[in-house]
Amino acid sequence: KKSISGFKTRQGMPIGAMVTLRGRKMHDFLDRVIHVAFPRSRDFRGIDPKSFDKKGNLTVAIKEHIVFPEVSPEKAKTIFGFEITVVTTAKTREEGIELLRLLGFPIKLSQKSKV
C-alpha cells in the first residue's frame, strides 16, 4: 500500500499472494504438509489448539518454505515463511479440532484434556 524503506518495498509492488485449493490438489497439499513439511520443520511440536478460531478453522505458520522437498535450499535466494489457513465445515472450535485430528493433523492435547 505504501513504501517502506526498511523492507525495500515500493508502493504498487506485490508483497504477498493468496491461493485457494480445493478437491484433489487440496488433499495432496495437506498430505504433503502433514507428512513432509511439519516433520521437517525444526521447531514444530504439534499444532496448538489455540490456532483454531471459534468456527473451527485452522491457521498455522510455516517458518521456512524450504521444508518442502520441491524447493532446493541451494537455489533459494531468500527463505520466507507463510501461513496456511484450513477452512472447515465445522460449526465450533471443538468440532474443527476433532475433524482435523481425524484427518491426521498433529494437534497437541490442550491443558484441559491432559487432566
N, C-alpha and C. Protein backbone atom coordinates (compact mmCIF):
# COMPACT_ATOMS: atom_id res chain seq x y z
N LYS A 1 0.81 -1.19 0.00
CA LYS A 1 0.00 0.00 0.00
C LYS A 1 0.86 1.26 0.00
N LYS A 2 1.94 1.23 0.80
CA LYS A 2 2.83 2.38 0.80
C LYS A 2 4.27 1.91 0.88
N SER A 3 5.18 2.80 0.55
CA SER A 3 6.61 2.47 0.56
C SER A 3 7.12 2.32 1.98
N ILE A 4 7.95 1.28 2.20
CA ILE A 4 8.61 1.08 3.49
C ILE A 4 10.08 0.81 3.17
N SER A 5 10.94 1.79 3.46
CA SER A 5 12.34 1.66 3.05
C SER A 5 13.06 0.52 3.76
N GLY A 6 12.72 0.23 5.00
CA GLY A 6 13.38 -0.85 5.74
C GLY A 6 13.18 -2.21 5.10
N PHE A 7 12.04 -2.41 4.44
CA PHE A 7 11.75 -3.68 3.77
C PHE A 7 12.02 -3.62 2.27
N LYS A 8 12.53 -2.47 1.81
CA LYS A 8 12.81 -2.25 0.38
C LYS A 8 11.58 -2.50 -0.48
N THR A 9 10.45 -2.03 0.00
CA THR A 9 9.22 -2.14 -0.78
C THR A 9 8.81 -0.76 -1.28
N ARG A 10 8.18 -0.76 -2.41
CA ARG A 10 7.68 0.47 -3.01
C ARG A 10 6.19 0.32 -3.23
N GLN A 11 5.52 1.45 -3.23
CA GLN A 11 4.08 1.44 -3.45
C GLN A 11 3.78 0.79 -4.80
N GLY A 12 2.82 -0.13 -4.79
CA GLY A 12 2.44 -0.83 -6.02
C GLY A 12 3.14 -2.17 -6.22
N MET A 13 4.20 -2.45 -5.44
CA MET A 13 4.90 -3.74 -5.55
C MET A 13 4.06 -4.83 -4.90
N PRO A 14 4.01 -6.02 -5.52
CA PRO A 14 3.29 -7.12 -4.86
C PRO A 14 4.08 -7.58 -3.63
N ILE A 15 3.37 -7.79 -2.51
CA ILE A 15 4.04 -8.20 -1.28
C ILE A 15 3.51 -9.52 -0.75
N GLY A 16 2.59 -10.11 -1.44
CA GLY A 16 2.05 -11.38 -0.97
C GLY A 16 1.17 -12.01 -2.03
N ALA A 17 0.71 -13.19 -1.73
CA ALA A 17 -0.17 -13.90 -2.65
C ALA A 17 -1.11 -14.78 -1.84
N MET A 18 -2.24 -15.10 -2.42
CA MET A 18 -3.19 -15.99 -1.78
C MET A 18 -3.65 -17.00 -2.81
N VAL A 19 -3.72 -18.25 -2.39
CA VAL A 19 -4.14 -19.33 -3.28
C VAL A 19 -5.22 -20.12 -2.56
N THR A 20 -6.27 -20.48 -3.28
CA THR A 20 -7.32 -21.34 -2.73
C THR A 20 -7.24 -22.68 -3.45
N LEU A 21 -7.08 -23.74 -2.67
CA LEU A 21 -7.02 -25.09 -3.24
C LEU A 21 -8.28 -25.84 -2.84
N ARG A 22 -8.81 -26.61 -3.76
CA ARG A 22 -9.98 -27.44 -3.48
C ARG A 22 -9.77 -28.81 -4.12
N GLY A 23 -10.53 -29.78 -3.64
CA GLY A 23 -10.51 -31.10 -4.26
C GLY A 23 -9.18 -31.81 -4.13
N ARG A 24 -8.78 -32.46 -5.21
CA ARG A 24 -7.58 -33.30 -5.21
C ARG A 24 -6.31 -32.52 -4.87
N LYS A 25 -6.17 -31.31 -5.44
CA LYS A 25 -4.97 -30.50 -5.17
C LYS A 25 -4.89 -30.14 -3.69
N MET A 26 -6.04 -29.83 -3.07
CA MET A 26 -6.06 -29.52 -1.65
C MET A 26 -5.62 -30.73 -0.84
N HIS A 27 -6.19 -31.89 -1.15
CA HIS A 27 -5.84 -33.11 -0.40
C HIS A 27 -4.36 -33.45 -0.55
N ASP A 28 -3.84 -33.33 -1.77
CA ASP A 28 -2.41 -33.61 -1.99
C ASP A 28 -1.53 -32.64 -1.20
N PHE A 29 -1.90 -31.36 -1.22
CA PHE A 29 -1.11 -30.36 -0.49
C PHE A 29 -1.15 -30.61 1.01
N LEU A 30 -2.34 -30.85 1.57
CA LEU A 30 -2.45 -31.08 3.01
C LEU A 30 -1.71 -32.35 3.42
N ASP A 31 -1.75 -33.38 2.57
CA ASP A 31 -1.00 -34.60 2.85
C ASP A 31 0.50 -34.31 2.92
N ARG A 32 0.97 -33.48 1.99
CA ARG A 32 2.39 -33.12 1.97
C ARG A 32 2.75 -32.27 3.19
N VAL A 33 1.86 -31.38 3.59
CA VAL A 33 2.12 -30.55 4.78
C VAL A 33 2.21 -31.43 6.02
N ILE A 34 1.25 -32.35 6.19
CA ILE A 34 1.19 -33.19 7.38
C ILE A 34 2.37 -34.16 7.45
N HIS A 35 2.68 -34.80 6.33
CA HIS A 35 3.67 -35.88 6.34
C HIS A 35 5.09 -35.48 5.96
N VAL A 36 5.26 -34.29 5.37
CA VAL A 36 6.60 -33.87 4.95
C VAL A 36 7.01 -32.56 5.62
N ALA A 37 6.21 -31.52 5.45
CA ALA A 37 6.61 -30.19 5.93
C ALA A 37 6.66 -30.10 7.45
N PHE A 38 5.62 -30.56 8.13
CA PHE A 38 5.64 -30.49 9.60
C PHE A 38 6.81 -31.28 10.19
N PRO A 39 7.04 -32.54 9.77
CA PRO A 39 8.17 -33.28 10.35
C PRO A 39 9.54 -32.65 10.04
N ARG A 40 9.67 -31.96 8.92
CA ARG A 40 10.95 -31.35 8.56
C ARG A 40 11.16 -29.98 9.19
N SER A 41 10.12 -29.41 9.78
CA SER A 41 10.24 -28.10 10.43
C SER A 41 10.99 -28.26 11.74
N ARG A 42 11.98 -27.41 11.95
CA ARG A 42 12.87 -27.54 13.11
C ARG A 42 12.15 -27.47 14.45
N ASP A 43 11.36 -26.46 14.66
CA ASP A 43 10.76 -26.23 15.98
C ASP A 43 9.33 -26.73 16.09
N PHE A 44 8.88 -27.55 15.17
CA PHE A 44 7.48 -27.97 15.19
C PHE A 44 7.26 -29.04 16.25
N ARG A 45 6.32 -28.79 17.15
CA ARG A 45 5.98 -29.72 18.22
C ARG A 45 4.49 -30.06 18.23
N GLY A 46 3.84 -29.88 17.11
CA GLY A 46 2.41 -30.12 17.04
C GLY A 46 1.66 -28.80 16.93
N ILE A 47 0.42 -28.89 16.48
CA ILE A 47 -0.41 -27.70 16.30
C ILE A 47 -1.09 -27.36 17.62
N ASP A 48 -0.93 -26.13 18.04
CA ASP A 48 -1.57 -25.67 19.27
C ASP A 48 -3.07 -25.50 19.02
N PRO A 49 -3.92 -26.03 19.88
CA PRO A 49 -5.37 -25.86 19.71
C PRO A 49 -5.80 -24.39 19.66
N LYS A 50 -4.96 -23.49 20.17
CA LYS A 50 -5.28 -22.06 20.11
C LYS A 50 -5.19 -21.52 18.68
N SER A 51 -4.66 -22.32 17.76
CA SER A 51 -4.56 -21.91 16.37
C SER A 51 -5.89 -21.99 15.64
N PHE A 52 -6.90 -22.52 16.30
CA PHE A 52 -8.23 -22.64 15.71
C PHE A 52 -9.08 -21.43 16.11
N ASP A 53 -9.88 -20.93 15.16
CA ASP A 53 -10.80 -19.86 15.52
C ASP A 53 -12.09 -20.45 16.07
N LYS A 54 -13.04 -19.61 16.43
CA LYS A 54 -14.26 -20.09 17.08
C LYS A 54 -15.17 -20.88 16.14
N LYS A 55 -14.92 -20.80 14.83
CA LYS A 55 -15.72 -21.56 13.87
C LYS A 55 -15.04 -22.84 13.40
N GLY A 56 -13.90 -23.19 14.00
CA GLY A 56 -13.23 -24.44 13.69
C GLY A 56 -12.24 -24.39 12.54
N ASN A 57 -11.87 -23.19 12.10
CA ASN A 57 -10.88 -23.05 11.03
C ASN A 57 -9.48 -22.96 11.64
N LEU A 58 -8.51 -23.50 10.95
CA LEU A 58 -7.13 -23.56 11.45
C LEU A 58 -6.24 -22.63 10.65
N THR A 59 -5.40 -21.87 11.33
CA THR A 59 -4.35 -21.09 10.68
C THR A 59 -3.03 -21.46 11.35
N VAL A 60 -2.09 -21.91 10.53
CA VAL A 60 -0.79 -22.34 11.04
C VAL A 60 0.30 -21.73 10.17
N ALA A 61 1.42 -21.37 10.78
CA ALA A 61 2.53 -20.75 10.06
C ALA A 61 3.64 -21.77 9.81
N ILE A 62 4.20 -21.71 8.63
CA ILE A 62 5.39 -22.47 8.27
C ILE A 62 6.52 -21.44 8.21
N LYS A 63 7.57 -21.61 9.00
CA LYS A 63 8.62 -20.60 9.10
C LYS A 63 9.54 -20.55 7.88
N GLU A 64 9.76 -21.71 7.26
CA GLU A 64 10.68 -21.75 6.12
C GLU A 64 10.05 -22.55 4.98
N HIS A 65 9.99 -21.93 3.81
CA HIS A 65 9.40 -22.63 2.68
C HIS A 65 10.27 -23.78 2.18
N ILE A 66 11.51 -23.84 2.62
CA ILE A 66 12.42 -24.89 2.15
C ILE A 66 12.16 -26.25 2.81
N VAL A 67 11.15 -26.34 3.69
CA VAL A 67 10.82 -27.64 4.28
C VAL A 67 10.14 -28.55 3.26
N PHE A 68 9.70 -27.98 2.14
CA PHE A 68 9.10 -28.79 1.09
C PHE A 68 10.21 -29.32 0.19
N PRO A 69 10.19 -30.61 -0.14
CA PRO A 69 11.28 -31.20 -0.93
C PRO A 69 11.37 -30.64 -2.36
N GLU A 70 10.30 -30.02 -2.84
CA GLU A 70 10.34 -29.44 -4.19
C GLU A 70 11.22 -28.20 -4.25
N VAL A 71 11.52 -27.62 -3.10
CA VAL A 71 12.32 -26.40 -3.05
C VAL A 71 13.75 -26.76 -2.67
N SER A 72 14.68 -26.42 -3.53
CA SER A 72 16.09 -26.68 -3.26
C SER A 72 16.66 -25.55 -2.41
N PRO A 73 17.16 -25.86 -1.21
CA PRO A 73 17.72 -24.79 -0.36
C PRO A 73 18.89 -24.06 -1.02
N GLU A 74 19.66 -24.76 -1.84
CA GLU A 74 20.81 -24.13 -2.51
C GLU A 74 20.36 -23.11 -3.54
N LYS A 75 19.22 -23.35 -4.17
CA LYS A 75 18.74 -22.44 -5.22
C LYS A 75 17.85 -21.32 -4.67
N ALA A 76 17.43 -21.44 -3.43
CA ALA A 76 16.56 -20.41 -2.84
C ALA A 76 17.38 -19.17 -2.52
N LYS A 77 16.99 -18.04 -3.11
CA LYS A 77 17.71 -16.79 -2.86
C LYS A 77 17.43 -16.27 -1.45
N THR A 78 16.18 -16.37 -1.05
CA THR A 78 15.80 -15.97 0.30
C THR A 78 14.89 -17.05 0.89
N ILE A 79 14.87 -17.11 2.19
CA ILE A 79 13.99 -18.05 2.88
C ILE A 79 12.85 -17.25 3.48
N PHE A 80 11.63 -17.66 3.19
CA PHE A 80 10.48 -16.93 3.70
C PHE A 80 9.48 -17.89 4.33
N GLY A 81 8.67 -17.36 5.17
CA GLY A 81 7.61 -18.13 5.81
C GLY A 81 6.27 -17.79 5.18
N PHE A 82 5.28 -18.58 5.54
CA PHE A 82 3.94 -18.32 5.04
C PHE A 82 2.93 -18.97 5.97
N GLU A 83 1.69 -18.58 5.81
CA GLU A 83 0.61 -19.13 6.62
C GLU A 83 -0.30 -20.00 5.77
N ILE A 84 -0.83 -21.02 6.40
CA ILE A 84 -1.81 -21.89 5.76
C ILE A 84 -3.08 -21.80 6.59
N THR A 85 -4.19 -21.51 5.95
CA THR A 85 -5.48 -21.50 6.63
C THR A 85 -6.32 -22.62 6.05
N VAL A 86 -6.81 -23.48 6.92
CA VAL A 86 -7.68 -24.59 6.52
C VAL A 86 -9.08 -24.22 6.98
N VAL A 87 -9.96 -23.98 6.02
CA VAL A 87 -11.35 -23.64 6.32
C VAL A 87 -12.15 -24.93 6.34
N THR A 88 -12.84 -25.18 7.45
CA THR A 88 -13.59 -26.42 7.61
C THR A 88 -15.09 -26.15 7.59
N THR A 89 -15.86 -27.22 7.58
CA THR A 89 -17.31 -27.11 7.66
C THR A 89 -17.78 -27.19 9.11
N ALA A 90 -16.86 -27.25 10.03
CA ALA A 90 -17.21 -27.35 11.46
C ALA A 90 -17.95 -26.09 11.90
N LYS A 91 -18.78 -26.26 12.89
CA LYS A 91 -19.55 -25.14 13.44
C LYS A 91 -18.91 -24.56 14.70
N THR A 92 -18.08 -25.37 15.37
CA THR A 92 -17.43 -24.91 16.60
C THR A 92 -15.94 -25.22 16.55
N ARG A 93 -15.23 -24.59 17.45
CA ARG A 93 -13.78 -24.82 17.57
C ARG A 93 -13.49 -26.29 17.86
N GLU A 94 -14.24 -26.88 18.77
CA GLU A 94 -14.02 -28.28 19.16
C GLU A 94 -14.27 -29.23 17.99
N GLU A 95 -15.30 -28.95 17.19
CA GLU A 95 -15.58 -29.78 16.01
C GLU A 95 -14.43 -29.69 15.01
N GLY A 96 -13.90 -28.49 14.81
CA GLY A 96 -12.78 -28.30 13.89
C GLY A 96 -11.54 -29.04 14.33
N ILE A 97 -11.25 -28.98 15.63
CA ILE A 97 -10.09 -29.69 16.17
C ILE A 97 -10.24 -31.18 15.96
N GLU A 98 -11.41 -31.72 16.28
CA GLU A 98 -11.64 -33.16 16.13
C GLU A 98 -11.60 -33.58 14.66
N LEU A 99 -12.19 -32.78 13.78
CA LEU A 99 -12.18 -33.09 12.34
C LEU A 99 -10.75 -33.18 11.81
N LEU A 100 -9.94 -32.18 12.10
CA LEU A 100 -8.57 -32.19 11.58
C LEU A 100 -7.70 -33.23 12.27
N ARG A 101 -7.98 -33.52 13.53
CA ARG A 101 -7.26 -34.61 14.21
C ARG A 101 -7.55 -35.93 13.51
N LEU A 102 -8.82 -36.16 13.15
CA LEU A 102 -9.19 -37.40 12.45
C LEU A 102 -8.59 -37.47 11.05
N LEU A 103 -8.33 -36.32 10.45
CA LEU A 103 -7.69 -36.28 9.13
C LEU A 103 -6.17 -36.45 9.21
N GLY A 104 -5.63 -36.51 10.43
CA GLY A 104 -4.20 -36.77 10.59
C GLY A 104 -3.36 -35.59 11.00
N PHE A 105 -3.97 -34.44 11.26
CA PHE A 105 -3.19 -33.28 11.69
C PHE A 105 -2.64 -33.53 13.09
N PRO A 106 -1.36 -33.23 13.32
CA PRO A 106 -0.75 -33.45 14.63
C PRO A 106 -1.09 -32.32 15.61
N ILE A 107 -2.22 -32.45 16.27
CA ILE A 107 -2.70 -31.41 17.17
C ILE A 107 -2.32 -31.76 18.60
N LYS A 108 -1.71 -30.80 19.30
CA LYS A 108 -1.33 -31.01 20.70
C LYS A 108 -2.58 -31.17 21.55
N LEU A 109 -2.45 -31.92 22.62
CA LEU A 109 -3.54 -32.00 23.59
C LEU A 109 -3.61 -30.69 24.35
N SER A 110 -4.81 -30.19 24.57
CA SER A 110 -4.96 -28.96 25.34
C SER A 110 -4.76 -29.26 26.82
N GLN A 111 -4.52 -28.25 27.61
CA GLN A 111 -4.30 -28.42 29.05
C GLN A 111 -5.50 -29.07 29.71
N LYS A 112 -6.72 -28.74 29.25
CA LYS A 112 -7.93 -29.30 29.83
C LYS A 112 -8.00 -30.80 29.65
N SER A 113 -7.62 -31.30 28.46
CA SER A 113 -7.75 -32.73 28.20
C SER A 113 -6.63 -33.56 28.81
N LYS A 114 -5.57 -32.92 29.33
CA LYS A 114 -4.48 -33.66 29.98
C LYS A 114 -4.88 -34.11 31.37
N VAL A 115 -5.84 -33.44 31.98
CA VAL A 115 -6.24 -33.74 33.36
C VAL A 115 -7.20 -34.90 33.41
